[in-house]
């Protein structure tokens, strides 16, 4: 029996329990995930993802992995960037989210160069030195062992390849933190209740953002995993940051 503890939002729970409860959250929100993203971010998440895509450096014929890829926002666009001779793997630990992503991409006529893999980021089922680029948007904070995930990602990236992690972070703009706290802990659960009929899941998501490492700490975790030339770019006053690191 695993007695090790970790956090689920602000709660301390057993590691095995966290895995089950995070799965429950995303099973619950899968069908309304895209609608809630638009509402929660006032549509700005599209700009954050557009900037991330511009940093992938992907070219025709290359291979990309979108981890915690959910409903396929990034994978859909990367499939066009790598073309028919390239490959995109859309991966998520949650079967409900992965199913939504697969249906969405098929509905958009994307099939030939995308495959779907249900996998845990901590122990990826891919060969060493395989991908030119790995992306992870708003997923790392839900991973139980982030160091293990970063090490696993490092292993599957080709020398010269890169990792891009888009994630909520710490506000740096003056006066933004208290406003953001009010939004996160008051309005976000309310929107979850009204739109997705799921107040508790969105309260967890707000708490998980607060428990995620800040910009400098995550930069250090990238470096500890072996990534070089690590940098981050704050967006929307630091509410979101894009971390980038290379395997050289």
Protein backbone atom coordinates (compact mmCIF):
# COMPACT_ATOMS: atom_id res chain seq x y z
CA UNK A 1 0.00 0.00 0.00
CA UNK A 2 1.32 3.46 -0.92
CA UNK A 3 1.20 5.76 2.13
CA UNK A 4 2.92 8.68 0.40
CA UNK A 5 0.94 11.94 0.51
CA UNK A 6 0.50 14.64 -2.11
CA UNK A 7 -1.87 17.55 -2.68
CA UNK A 8 -5.23 17.47 -4.40
CA UNK A 9 -5.98 21.16 -4.56
CA UNK A 10 -5.51 22.33 -0.97
CA UNK A 11 -6.13 18.84 0.46
CA UNK A 12 -3.46 16.32 1.42
CA UNK A 13 -4.34 12.91 0.02
CA UNK A 14 -2.62 9.61 -0.74
CA UNK A 15 -0.87 9.49 -4.13
CA UNK A 16 -3.16 6.72 -5.41
CA UNK A 17 -6.20 8.70 -4.27
CA UNK A 18 -5.06 11.81 -6.15
CA UNK A 19 -4.78 9.89 -9.41
CA UNK A 20 -8.37 8.67 -9.03
CA UNK A 21 -9.75 12.04 -8.02
CA UNK A 22 -8.03 13.97 -10.83
CA UNK A 23 -9.44 11.37 -13.24
CA UNK A 24 -12.89 12.01 -11.78
CA UNK A 25 -12.56 15.76 -12.30
CA UNK A 26 -11.71 15.41 -15.97
CA UNK A 27 -14.31 12.71 -16.64
CA UNK A 28 -16.77 15.20 -15.19
CA UNK A 29 -15.69 18.27 -17.18
CA UNK A 30 -14.78 16.64 -20.51
CA UNK A 31 -17.98 17.44 -22.40
CA UNK A 32 -18.01 21.11 -21.34
CA UNK A 33 -14.24 21.63 -21.35
CA UNK A 34 -13.99 23.78 -24.49
CA UNK A 35 -16.98 25.96 -23.56
CA UNK A 36 -15.59 26.52 -20.07
CA UNK A 37 -12.14 27.41 -21.43
CA UNK A 38 -13.67 30.16 -23.52
CA UNK A 39 -15.79 31.45 -20.64
CA UNK A 40 -13.08 31.23 -17.97
CA UNK A 41 -10.42 33.01 -20.02
CA UNK A 42 -12.79 35.32 -21.95
CA UNK A 43 -11.38 33.65 -25.06
CA UNK A 44 -7.79 34.67 -24.30
CA UNK A 45 -6.66 31.01 -24.04
CA UNK A 46 -6.73 30.97 -27.85
CA UNK A 47 -4.04 33.68 -27.94
CA UNK A 48 -1.94 31.84 -25.35
CA UNK A 49 -2.10 28.69 -27.48
CA UNK A 50 -1.38 30.58 -30.69
CA UNK A 51 1.81 31.96 -29.13
CA UNK A 52 2.75 28.45 -27.97
CA UNK A 53 2.29 27.04 -31.47
CA UNK A 54 4.54 29.77 -32.86
CA UNK A 55 7.30 28.56 -30.52
CA UNK A 56 7.18 24.90 -31.60
CA UNK A 57 9.48 25.37 -34.58
CA UNK A 58 7.73 22.45 -36.26
CA UNK A 59 8.45 21.72 -39.90
CA UNK A 60 7.05 19.37 -42.52
CA UNK A 61 7.83 15.73 -41.76
CA UNK A 62 8.59 16.18 -38.05
CA UNK A 63 7.07 14.40 -35.05
CA UNK A 64 5.21 16.13 -32.22
CA UNK A 65 3.62 14.94 -28.99
CA UNK A 66 0.81 16.89 -27.32
CA UNK A 67 0.58 15.71 -23.72
CA UNK A 68 -2.56 16.23 -21.65
CA UNK A 69 -3.85 17.16 -25.10
CA UNK A 70 -7.48 16.99 -24.05
CA UNK A 71 -9.79 18.19 -26.76
CA UNK A 72 -7.02 18.62 -29.32
CA UNK A 73 -6.54 22.39 -29.73
CA UNK A 74 -2.78 22.17 -30.22
CA UNK A 75 -2.71 18.78 -31.96
CA UNK A 76 -5.16 19.98 -34.61
CA UNK A 77 -2.90 22.85 -35.61
CA UNK A 78 0.34 20.89 -35.29
CA UNK A 79 -1.00 18.23 -37.65
CA UNK A 80 -1.13 20.90 -40.36
CA UNK A 81 2.36 22.14 -39.48
CA UNK A 82 4.02 18.73 -39.90
CA UNK A 83 1.94 17.75 -42.94
CA UNK A 84 1.09 14.28 -44.28
CA UNK A 85 4.70 13.07 -43.94
CA UNK A 86 4.84 14.08 -40.27
CA UNK A 87 3.23 12.65 -37.16
CA UNK A 88 1.34 14.09 -34.20
CA UNK A 89 0.49 12.04 -31.14
CA UNK A 90 -2.41 13.36 -29.07
CA UNK A 91 -2.03 11.88 -25.60
CA UNK A 92 -3.99 12.22 -22.39
CA UNK A 93 -4.17 10.13 -19.22
CA UNK A 94 -7.95 10.58 -19.18
CA UNK A 95 -9.98 8.47 -21.59
CA UNK A 96 -12.96 10.84 -21.62
CA UNK A 97 -10.80 13.80 -22.60
CA UNK A 98 -8.92 11.78 -25.22
CA UNK A 99 -12.22 10.58 -26.71
CA UNK A 100 -13.46 14.17 -26.99
CA UNK A 101 -10.22 15.18 -28.70
CA UNK A 102 -10.39 12.31 -31.17
CA UNK A 103 -14.02 13.09 -32.09
CA UNK A 104 -13.21 16.76 -32.53
CA UNK A 105 -10.25 16.17 -34.85
CA UNK A 106 -12.19 13.63 -36.94
CA UNK A 107 -15.05 16.15 -37.21
CA UNK A 108 -12.51 18.63 -38.60
CA UNK A 109 -11.33 16.11 -41.19
CA UNK A 110 -8.00 15.43 -39.51
CA UNK A 111 -7.07 11.76 -39.52
CA UNK A 112 -4.02 10.55 -41.44
CA UNK A 113 -1.11 11.96 -39.45
CA UNK A 114 -2.56 11.94 -35.92
CA UNK A 115 -2.70 9.01 -33.53
CA UNK A 116 -4.21 8.82 -30.06
CA UNK A 117 -2.49 7.33 -27.01
CA UNK A 118 -3.86 7.17 -23.48
CA UNK A 119 -0.74 7.52 -21.35
CA UNK A 120 0.64 8.78 -18.05
CA UNK A 121 3.20 11.57 -18.55
CA UNK A 122 5.30 10.08 -15.74
CA UNK A 123 6.06 6.92 -17.77
CA UNK A 124 5.57 7.61 -21.47
CA UNK A 125 5.26 4.55 -23.76
CA UNK A 126 7.39 6.00 -26.58
CA UNK A 127 10.94 5.29 -27.81
CA UNK A 128 13.95 7.33 -26.73
CA UNK A 129 14.84 10.39 -28.87
CA UNK A 130 11.61 10.20 -30.90
CA UNK A 131 9.85 13.59 -30.94
CA UNK A 132 11.03 16.92 -32.32
CA UNK A 133 8.68 18.82 -30.03
CA UNK A 134 6.54 18.03 -26.98
CA UNK A 135 3.80 20.39 -25.84
CA UNK A 136 1.75 20.33 -22.64
CA UNK A 137 -0.95 22.96 -22.14
CA UNK A 138 -2.62 23.27 -18.74
CA UNK A 139 -1.79 19.70 -17.77
CA UNK A 140 1.43 19.66 -15.76
CA UNK A 141 -0.20 21.01 -12.61
CA UNK A 142 -2.42 17.91 -12.47
CA UNK A 143 0.52 15.49 -12.66
CA UNK A 144 1.34 13.88 -9.32
CA UNK A 145 5.11 13.51 -9.81
CA UNK A 146 6.14 16.43 -11.98
CA UNK A 147 9.86 15.60 -11.80
CA UNK A 148 9.17 12.09 -13.11
CA UNK A 149 7.07 13.54 -15.93
CA UNK A 150 9.77 16.01 -16.97
CA UNK A 151 12.37 13.22 -16.96
CA UNK A 152 10.10 10.98 -19.04
CA UNK A 153 9.47 13.78 -21.52
CA UNK A 154 13.20 14.52 -21.76
CA UNK A 155 13.85 10.88 -22.66
CA UNK A 156 11.46 10.85 -25.64
CA UNK A 157 12.65 14.15 -27.18
CA UNK A 158 15.27 14.04 -29.93
CA UNK A 159 18.55 15.87 -29.39
CA UNK A 160 17.86 19.38 -30.65
CA UNK A 161 14.17 19.07 -29.81
CA UNK A 162 12.19 21.14 -27.36
CA UNK A 163 9.55 21.02 -24.65
CA UNK A 164 6.89 23.71 -24.30
CA UNK A 165 4.76 23.83 -21.14
CA UNK A 166 1.91 26.33 -21.10
CA UNK A 167 0.52 26.61 -17.61
CA UNK A 168 -1.14 28.93 -15.13
CA UNK A 169 1.47 30.66 -13.00
CA UNK A 170 1.96 33.55 -10.55
CA UNK A 171 0.66 37.04 -11.41
CA UNK A 172 3.49 39.57 -11.60
CA UNK A 173 1.60 42.69 -12.67
CA UNK A 174 1.10 45.15 -9.77
CA UNK A 175 -2.29 44.76 -8.09
CA UNK A 176 -3.30 41.74 -10.17
CA UNK A 177 -2.91 39.02 -7.51
CA UNK A 178 -5.88 39.97 -5.25
CA UNK A 179 -8.17 40.48 -8.26
CA UNK A 180 -7.11 37.11 -9.65
CA UNK A 181 -7.71 35.43 -6.26
CA UNK A 182 -11.27 36.77 -6.13
CA UNK A 183 -11.90 35.57 -9.67
CA UNK A 184 -10.39 32.11 -9.02
CA UNK A 185 -12.08 31.28 -5.74
CA UNK A 186 -15.42 33.08 -6.13
CA UNK A 187 -16.31 33.41 -9.81
CA UNK A 188 -14.67 30.29 -11.26
CA UNK A 189 -16.60 27.77 -9.10
CA UNK A 190 -19.79 29.76 -9.75
CA UNK A 191 -19.25 29.58 -13.52
CA UNK A 192 -18.57 25.86 -13.17
CA UNK A 193 -21.88 25.46 -11.36
CA UNK A 194 -23.90 27.52 -13.83
CA UNK A 195 -22.37 26.29 -17.10
CA UNK A 196 -21.09 22.78 -16.40
CA UNK A 197 -23.23 21.96 -13.33
CA UNK A 198 -19.97 21.11 -11.54
CA UNK A 199 -18.86 23.58 -8.88
CA UNK A 200 -16.49 21.19 -7.09
CA UNK A 201 -14.35 20.34 -10.12
CA UNK A 202 -13.75 24.00 -10.90
CA UNK A 203 -12.94 24.75 -7.27
CA UNK A 204 -10.29 22.01 -7.51
CA UNK A 205 -8.92 23.54 -10.73
CA UNK A 206 -8.56 26.93 -8.99
CA UNK A 207 -6.79 25.32 -6.04
CA UNK A 208 -4.51 23.28 -8.31
CA UNK A 209 -3.32 26.50 -9.96
CA UNK A 210 -2.25 27.88 -6.57
CA UNK A 211 -0.35 24.69 -5.71
CA UNK A 212 1.59 24.68 -9.00
CA UNK A 213 5.25 25.82 -8.90
CA UNK A 214 5.91 29.47 -9.76
CA UNK A 215 7.85 30.55 -12.84
CA UNK A 216 11.36 30.34 -11.38
CA UNK A 217 10.71 27.06 -9.56
CA UNK A 218 9.42 25.39 -12.71
CA UNK A 219 12.41 26.72 -14.66
CA UNK A 220 14.66 25.01 -12.12
CA UNK A 221 12.70 21.76 -12.47
CA UNK A 222 13.24 21.85 -16.25
CA UNK A 223 16.97 22.27 -15.68
CA UNK A 224 17.06 19.48 -13.11
CA UNK A 225 15.50 17.14 -15.70
CA UNK A 226 18.32 17.96 -18.12
CA UNK A 227 16.80 20.67 -20.30
CA UNK A 228 19.06 23.51 -21.42
CA UNK A 229 18.51 27.08 -22.58
CA UNK A 230 15.40 27.11 -20.37
CA UNK A 231 13.31 30.26 -20.47
CA UNK A 232 9.78 31.39 -19.73
CA UNK A 233 7.50 34.04 -21.13
CA UNK A 234 4.79 35.60 -18.95
CA UNK A 235 1.42 36.33 -20.53
CA UNK A 236 -1.57 38.29 -19.20
CA UNK A 237 0.46 39.68 -16.32
CA UNK A 238 1.91 36.29 -15.32
CA UNK A 239 -1.46 34.58 -14.94
CA UNK A 240 -0.07 32.20 -17.56
CA UNK A 241 3.54 31.40 -18.47
CA UNK A 242 5.07 29.45 -21.33
CA UNK A 243 8.21 27.55 -20.30
CA UNK A 244 10.56 26.37 -23.03
CA UNK A 245 13.56 24.05 -22.77
CA UNK A 246 15.78 22.21 -25.22
CA UNK A 247 17.42 18.79 -25.23
CA UNK A 248 20.86 19.51 -26.67
